[in-house]
């Protein structure tokens, strides 16, 4: 049940949104291209970040690039 405290968890890394053009979903309201986000959790396909609505959201990794 780690999803209950994701917002308060330590940031794993920082990523930058490269696009918000989705085929199926409307992510342009939740992501801003060029904006940096903190990754709170990660799976093989998704990053879980605090999005523009100030809530935790899971997004496909292809919307982002890692900041080194």
PDB file of N, CA and C in Angstrom:
ATOM      1  N   UNK A   1       0.819  -1.191   0.000  1.00  0.00           N
ATOM      2  CA  UNK A   1       0.000   0.000   0.000  1.00  0.00           C
ATOM      3  C   UNK A   1       0.863   1.255   0.000  1.00  0.00           C
ATOM      4  N   UNK A   2       1.941   1.211  -0.774  1.00  0.00           N
ATOM      5  CA  UNK A   2       2.817   2.375  -0.812  1.00  0.00           C
ATOM      6  C   UNK A   2       2.158   3.565  -1.502  1.00  0.00           C
ATOM      7  N   UNK A   3       1.091   3.333  -2.245  1.00  0.00           N
ATOM      8  CA  UNK A   3       0.418   4.433  -2.927  1.00  0.00           C
ATOM      9  C   UNK A   3      -0.190   5.439  -1.952  1.00  0.00           C
ATOM     10  N   UNK A   4      -0.383   5.044  -0.712  1.00  0.00           N
ATOM     11  CA  UNK A   4      -0.972   5.949   0.274  1.00  0.00           C
ATOM     12  C   UNK A   4      -0.019   7.056   0.706  1.00  0.00           C
ATOM     13  N   UNK A   5       1.289   6.835   0.586  1.00  0.00           N
ATOM     14  CA  UNK A   5       2.231   7.872   1.015  1.00  0.00           C
ATOM     15  C   UNK A   5       3.207   8.282  -0.090  1.00  0.00           C
ATOM     16  N   UNK A   6       2.867   8.043  -1.346  1.00  0.00           N
ATOM     17  CA  UNK A   6       3.752   8.406  -2.451  1.00  0.00           C
ATOM     18  C   UNK A   6       4.105   9.883  -2.462  1.00  0.00           C
ATOM     19  N   UNK A   7       3.144  10.724  -2.170  1.00  0.00           N
ATOM     20  CA  UNK A   7       3.369  12.168  -2.239  1.00  0.00           C
ATOM     21  C   UNK A   7       4.460  12.612  -1.260  1.00  0.00           C
ATOM     22  N   UNK A   8       4.591  11.925  -0.152  1.00  0.00           N
ATOM     23  CA  UNK A   8       5.571  12.284   0.871  1.00  0.00           C
ATOM     24  C   UNK A   8       6.875  11.495   0.758  1.00  0.00           C
ATOM     25  N   UNK A   9       6.959  10.584  -0.191  1.00  0.00           N
ATOM     26  CA  UNK A   9       8.155   9.749  -0.344  1.00  0.00           C
ATOM     27  C   UNK A   9       9.307  10.547  -0.925  1.00  0.00           C
ATOM     28  N   UNK A  10      10.485   9.998  -0.755  1.00  0.00           N
ATOM     29  CA  UNK A  10      11.689  10.594  -1.312  1.00  0.00           C
ATOM     30  C   UNK A  10      11.630  10.525  -2.841  1.00  0.00           C
ATOM     31  N   UNK A  11      12.119  11.582  -3.489  1.00  0.00           N
ATOM     32  CA  UNK A  11      12.153  11.627  -4.941  1.00  0.00           C
ATOM     33  C   UNK A  11      13.249  10.705  -5.457  1.00  0.00           C
ATOM     34  N   UNK A  12      12.908   9.834  -6.419  1.00  0.00           N
ATOM     35  CA  UNK A  12      13.872   8.891  -6.972  1.00  0.00           C
ATOM     36  C   UNK A  12      14.793   9.552  -7.984  1.00  0.00           C
ATOM     37  N   UNK A  13      14.220  10.386  -8.852  1.00  0.00           N
ATOM     38  CA  UNK A  13      14.989  11.105  -9.872  1.00  0.00           C
ATOM     39  C   UNK A  13      14.105  12.196 -10.447  1.00  0.00           C
ATOM     40  N   UNK A  14      14.694  13.000 -11.309  1.00  0.00           N
ATOM     41  CA  UNK A  14      13.945  14.067 -11.944  1.00  0.00           C
ATOM     42  C   UNK A  14      13.874  13.797 -13.446  1.00  0.00           C
ATOM     43  N   UNK A  15      12.701  14.053 -14.022  1.00  0.00           N
ATOM     44  CA  UNK A  15      12.495  13.835 -15.445  1.00  0.00           C
ATOM     45  C   UNK A  15      11.893  15.092 -16.060  1.00  0.00           C
ATOM     46  N   UNK A  16      12.008  15.207 -17.369  1.00  0.00           N
ATOM     47  CA  UNK A  16      11.440  16.347 -18.087  1.00  0.00           C
ATOM     48  C   UNK A  16      10.439  15.837 -19.110  1.00  0.00           C
ATOM     49  N   UNK A  17       9.302  16.480 -19.186  1.00  0.00           N
ATOM     50  CA  UNK A  17       8.270  16.107 -20.152  1.00  0.00           C
ATOM     51  C   UNK A  17       8.714  16.574 -21.541  1.00  0.00           C
ATOM     52  N   UNK A  18       8.691  15.686 -22.523  1.00  0.00           N
ATOM     53  CA  UNK A  18       9.098  16.044 -23.885  1.00  0.00           C
ATOM     54  C   UNK A  18       7.891  16.266 -24.798  1.00  0.00           C
ATOM     55  N   UNK A  19       6.749  15.660 -24.488  1.00  0.00           N
ATOM     56  CA  UNK A  19       5.522  15.906 -25.259  1.00  0.00           C
ATOM     57  C   UNK A  19       4.313  15.467 -24.452  1.00  0.00           C
ATOM     58  N   UNK A  20       3.156  15.966 -24.860  1.00  0.00           N
ATOM     59  CA  UNK A  20       1.897  15.585 -24.217  1.00  0.00           C
ATOM     60  C   UNK A  20       0.877  15.179 -25.277  1.00  0.00           C
ATOM     61  N   UNK A  21       1.377  14.614 -26.368  1.00  0.00           N
ATOM     62  CA  UNK A  21       0.523  14.177 -27.467  1.00  0.00           C
ATOM     63  C   UNK A  21       0.210  12.696 -27.296  1.00  0.00           C
ATOM     64  N   UNK A  22      -0.979  12.412 -26.818  1.00  0.00           N
ATOM     65  CA  UNK A  22      -1.375  11.027 -26.571  1.00  0.00           C
ATOM     66  C   UNK A  22      -2.433  10.602 -27.578  1.00  0.00           C
ATOM     67  N   UNK A  23      -2.390   9.337 -27.956  1.00  0.00           N
ATOM     68  CA  UNK A  23      -3.371   8.812 -28.893  1.00  0.00           C
ATOM     69  C   UNK A  23      -4.712   8.517 -28.218  1.00  0.00           C
ATOM     70  N   UNK A  24      -4.674   7.940 -27.019  1.00  0.00           N
ATOM     71  CA  UNK A  24      -5.898   7.503 -26.352  1.00  0.00           C
ATOM     72  C   UNK A  24      -6.334   8.416 -25.211  1.00  0.00           C
ATOM     73  N   UNK A  25      -5.397   9.011 -24.522  1.00  0.00           N
ATOM     74  CA  UNK A  25      -5.707   9.705 -23.274  1.00  0.00           C
ATOM     75  C   UNK A  25      -5.476  11.206 -23.409  1.00  0.00           C
ATOM     76  N   UNK A  26      -6.113  11.980 -22.553  1.00  0.00           N
ATOM     77  CA  UNK A  26      -5.897  13.426 -22.537  1.00  0.00           C
ATOM     78  C   UNK A  26      -4.887  13.748 -21.444  1.00  0.00           C
ATOM     79  N   UNK A  27      -3.630  13.791 -21.795  1.00  0.00           N
ATOM     80  CA  UNK A  27      -2.591  14.087 -20.806  1.00  0.00           C
ATOM     81  C   UNK A  27      -2.131  15.535 -20.895  1.00  0.00           C
ATOM     82  N   UNK A  28      -2.600  16.278 -21.902  1.00  0.00           N
ATOM     83  CA  UNK A  28      -2.148  17.656 -22.051  1.00  0.00           C
ATOM     84  C   UNK A  28      -2.640  18.564 -20.923  1.00  0.00           C
ATOM     85  N   UNK A  29      -3.664  18.136 -20.172  1.00  0.00           N
ATOM     86  CA  UNK A  29      -4.125  18.901 -19.005  1.00  0.00           C
ATOM     87  C   UNK A  29      -3.262  18.616 -17.770  1.00  0.00           C
ATOM     88  N   UNK A  30      -2.587  17.483 -17.766  1.00  0.00           N
ATOM     89  CA  UNK A  30      -1.817  17.052 -16.594  1.00  0.00           C
ATOM     90  C   UNK A  30      -0.316  17.228 -16.753  1.00  0.00           C
ATOM     91  N   UNK A  31       0.182  17.317 -17.998  1.00  0.00           N
ATOM     92  CA  UNK A  31       1.614  17.447 -18.267  1.00  0.00           C
ATOM     93  C   UNK A  31       1.882  18.676 -19.117  1.00  0.00           C
ATOM     94  N   UNK A  32       3.017  19.304 -18.876  1.00  0.00           N
ATOM     95  CA  UNK A  32       3.448  20.453 -19.657  1.00  0.00           C
ATOM     96  C   UNK A  32       4.805  20.137 -20.272  1.00  0.00           C
ATOM     97  N   UNK A  33       4.891  20.114 -21.611  1.00  0.00           N
ATOM     98  CA  UNK A  33       6.192  19.860 -22.242  1.00  0.00           C
ATOM     99  C   UNK A  33       7.236  20.892 -21.802  1.00  0.00           C
ATOM    100  N   UNK A  34       8.420  20.404 -21.460  1.00  0.00           N
ATOM    101  CA  UNK A  34       9.494  21.259 -20.984  1.00  0.00           C
ATOM    102  C   UNK A  34       9.555  21.399 -19.469  1.00  0.00           C
ATOM    103  N   UNK A  35       8.503  21.007 -18.781  1.00  0.00           N
ATOM    104  CA  UNK A  35       8.475  21.104 -17.318  1.00  0.00           C
ATOM    105  C   UNK A  35       9.142  19.880 -16.696  1.00  0.00           C
ATOM    106  N   UNK A  36       9.812  20.098 -15.573  1.00  0.00           N
ATOM    107  CA  UNK A  36      10.477  19.008 -14.855  1.00  0.00           C
ATOM    108  C   UNK A  36       9.558  18.484 -13.754  1.00  0.00           C
ATOM    109  N   UNK A  37       9.577  17.167 -13.591  1.00  0.00           N
ATOM    110  CA  UNK A  37       8.751  16.497 -12.590  1.00  0.00           C
ATOM    111  C   UNK A  37       9.609  15.574 -11.745  1.00  0.00           C
ATOM    112  N   UNK A  38       9.201  15.368 -10.500  1.00  0.00           N
ATOM    113  CA  UNK A  38       9.895  14.470  -9.586  1.00  0.00           C
ATOM    114  C   UNK A  38       9.240  13.092  -9.637  1.00  0.00           C
ATOM    115  N   UNK A  39      10.055  12.056  -9.822  1.00  0.00           N
ATOM    116  CA  UNK A  39       9.548  10.684  -9.875  1.00  0.00           C
ATOM    117  C   UNK A  39       9.444  10.153  -8.447  1.00  0.00           C
ATOM    118  N   UNK A  40       8.253   9.731  -8.076  1.00  0.00           N
ATOM    119  CA  UNK A  40       8.021   9.169  -6.744  1.00  0.00           C
ATOM    120  C   UNK A  40       8.051   7.647  -6.754  1.00  0.00           C
ATOM    121  N   UNK A  41       7.706   7.037  -7.897  1.00  0.00           N
ATOM    122  CA  UNK A  41       7.767   5.592  -8.050  1.00  0.00           C
ATOM    123  C   UNK A  41       7.897   5.299  -9.539  1.00  0.00           C
ATOM    124  N   UNK A  42       8.412   4.107  -9.863  1.00  0.00           N
ATOM    125  CA  UNK A  42       8.658   3.757 -11.253  1.00  0.00           C
ATOM    126  C   UNK A  42       8.413   2.267 -11.456  1.00  0.00           C
ATOM    127  N   UNK A  43       7.803   1.926 -12.593  1.00  0.00           N
ATOM    128  CA  UNK A  43       7.654   0.538 -13.008  1.00  0.00           C
ATOM    129  C   UNK A  43       8.314   0.396 -14.380  1.00  0.00           C
ATOM    130  N   UNK A  44       8.166  -0.766 -14.991  1.00  0.00           N
ATOM    131  CA  UNK A  44       8.754  -0.971 -16.313  1.00  0.00           C
ATOM    132  C   UNK A  44       8.169  -0.030 -17.364  1.00  0.00           C
ATOM    133  N   UNK A  45       6.890   0.299 -17.255  1.00  0.00           N
ATOM    134  CA  UNK A  45       6.207   1.104 -18.264  1.00  0.00           C
ATOM    135  C   UNK A  45       5.860   2.518 -17.830  1.00  0.00           C
ATOM    136  N   UNK A  46       5.774   2.761 -16.520  1.00  0.00           N
ATOM    137  CA  UNK A  46       5.229   4.019 -16.038  1.00  0.00           C
ATOM    138  C   UNK A  46       6.163   4.745 -15.076  1.00  0.00           C
ATOM    139  N   UNK A  47       6.034   6.087 -15.079  1.00  0.00           N
ATOM    140  CA  UNK A  47       6.570   6.934 -14.019  1.00  0.00           C
ATOM    141  C   UNK A  47       5.370   7.419 -13.217  1.00  0.00           C
ATOM    142  N   UNK A  48       5.493   7.447 -11.903  1.00  0.00           N
ATOM    143  CA  UNK A  48       4.471   8.003 -11.041  1.00  0.00           C
ATOM    144  C   UNK A  48       5.019   9.317 -10.498  1.00  0.00           C
ATOM    145  N   UNK A  49       4.367  10.407 -10.889  1.00  0.00           N
ATOM    146  CA  UNK A  49       4.858  11.750 -10.583  1.00  0.00           C
ATOM    147  C   UNK A  49       3.744  12.578  -9.960  1.00  0.00           C
ATOM    148  N   UNK A  50       4.113  13.727  -9.412  1.00  0.00           N
ATOM    149  CA  UNK A  50       3.122  14.719  -9.012  1.00  0.00           C
ATOM    150  C   UNK A  50       2.894  15.589 -10.231  1.00  0.00           C
ATOM    151  N   UNK A  51       1.705  15.481 -10.835  1.00  0.00           N
ATOM    152  CA  UNK A  51       1.421  16.176 -12.088  1.00  0.00           C
ATOM    153  C   UNK A  51       0.933  17.604 -11.854  1.00  0.00           C
ATOM    154  N   UNK A  52       0.435  18.254 -12.902  1.00  0.00           N
ATOM    155  CA  UNK A  52       0.004  19.651 -12.814  1.00  0.00           C
ATOM    156  C   UNK A  52      -1.200  19.852 -11.897  1.00  0.00           C
ATOM    157  N   UNK A  53      -1.937  18.808 -11.590  1.00  0.00           N
ATOM    158  CA  UNK A  53      -3.079  18.926 -10.682  1.00  0.00           C
ATOM    159  C   UNK A  53      -2.649  18.759  -9.221  1.00  0.00           C
ATOM    160  N   UNK A  54      -1.333  18.618  -9.009  1.00  0.00           N
ATOM    161  CA  UNK A  54      -0.746  18.444  -7.669  1.00  0.00           C
ATOM    162  C   UNK A  54      -1.184  17.127  -7.026  1.00  0.00           C
ATOM    163  N   UNK A  55      -1.425  16.122  -7.859  1.00  0.00           N
ATOM    164  CA  UNK A  55      -1.767  14.783  -7.400  1.00  0.00           C
ATOM    165  C   UNK A  55      -0.817  13.786  -8.047  1.00  0.00           C
ATOM    166  N   UNK A  56      -0.717  12.612  -7.483  1.00  0.00           N
ATOM    167  CA  UNK A  56       0.115  11.569  -8.065  1.00  0.00           C
ATOM    168  C   UNK A  56      -0.599  10.989  -9.286  1.00  0.00           C
ATOM    169  N   UNK A  57       0.132  10.883 -10.383  1.00  0.00           N
ATOM    170  CA  UNK A  57      -0.408  10.287 -11.598  1.00  0.00           C
ATOM    171  C   UNK A  57       0.620   9.356 -12.214  1.00  0.00           C
ATOM    172  N   UNK A  58       0.154   8.324 -12.881  1.00  0.00           N
ATOM    173  CA  UNK A  58       1.036   7.387 -13.579  1.00  0.00           C
ATOM    174  C   UNK A  58       0.988   7.661 -15.070  1.00  0.00           C
ATOM    175  N   UNK A  59       2.147   7.850 -15.690  1.00  0.00           N
ATOM    176  CA  UNK A  59       2.234   8.188 -17.100  1.00  0.00           C
ATOM    177  C   UNK A  59       3.258   7.295 -17.786  1.00  0.00           C
ATOM    178  N   UNK A  60       2.993   6.963 -19.056  1.00  0.00           N
ATOM    179  CA  UNK A  60       3.931   6.180 -19.840  1.00  0.00           C
ATOM    180  C   UNK A  60       5.284   6.889 -19.897  1.00  0.00           C
ATOM    181  N   UNK A  61       6.333   6.120 -19.919  1.00  0.00           N
ATOM    182  CA  UNK A  61       7.688   6.675 -19.919  1.00  0.00           C
ATOM    183  C   UNK A  61       8.029   7.421 -21.202  1.00  0.00           C
ATOM    184  N   UNK A  62       7.300   7.164 -22.288  1.00  0.00           N
ATOM    185  CA  UNK A  62       7.657   7.818 -23.546  1.00  0.00           C
ATOM    186  C   UNK A  62       7.302   9.308 -23.584  1.00  0.00           C
ATOM    187  N   UNK A  63       6.618   9.823 -22.573  1.00  0.00           N
ATOM    188  CA  UNK A  63       6.347  11.255 -22.484  1.00  0.00           C
ATOM    189  C   UNK A  63       7.519  12.037 -21.895  1.00  0.00           C
ATOM    190  N   UNK A  64       8.535  11.334 -21.408  1.00  0.00           N
ATOM    191  CA  UNK A  64       9.590  11.969 -20.622  1.00  0.00           C
ATOM    192  C   UNK A  64      10.988  11.589 -21.094  1.00  0.00           C
ATOM    193  N   UNK A  65      11.952  12.396 -20.649  1.00  0.00           N
ATOM    194  CA  UNK A  65      13.368  12.035 -20.752  1.00  0.00           C
ATOM    195  C   UNK A  65      13.981  12.281 -19.377  1.00  0.00           C
ATOM    196  N   UNK A  66      14.956  11.456 -19.049  1.00  0.00           N
ATOM    197  CA  UNK A  66      15.619  11.591 -17.760  1.00  0.00           C
ATOM    198  C   UNK A  66      16.602  12.741 -17.793  1.00  0.00           C
ATOM    199  N   UNK A  67      16.693  13.449 -16.703  1.00  0.00           N
ATOM    200  CA  UNK A  67      17.654  14.548 -16.553  1.00  0.00           C
ATOM    201  C   UNK A  67      18.870  13.994 -15.833  1.00  0.00           C
ATOM    202  N   UNK A  68      20.024  14.218 -16.406  1.00  0.00           N
ATOM    203  CA  UNK A  68      21.250  13.686 -15.796  1.00  0.00           C
ATOM    204  C   UNK A  68      22.024  14.759 -15.101  1.00  0.00           C
TER     205      UNK A  68
END
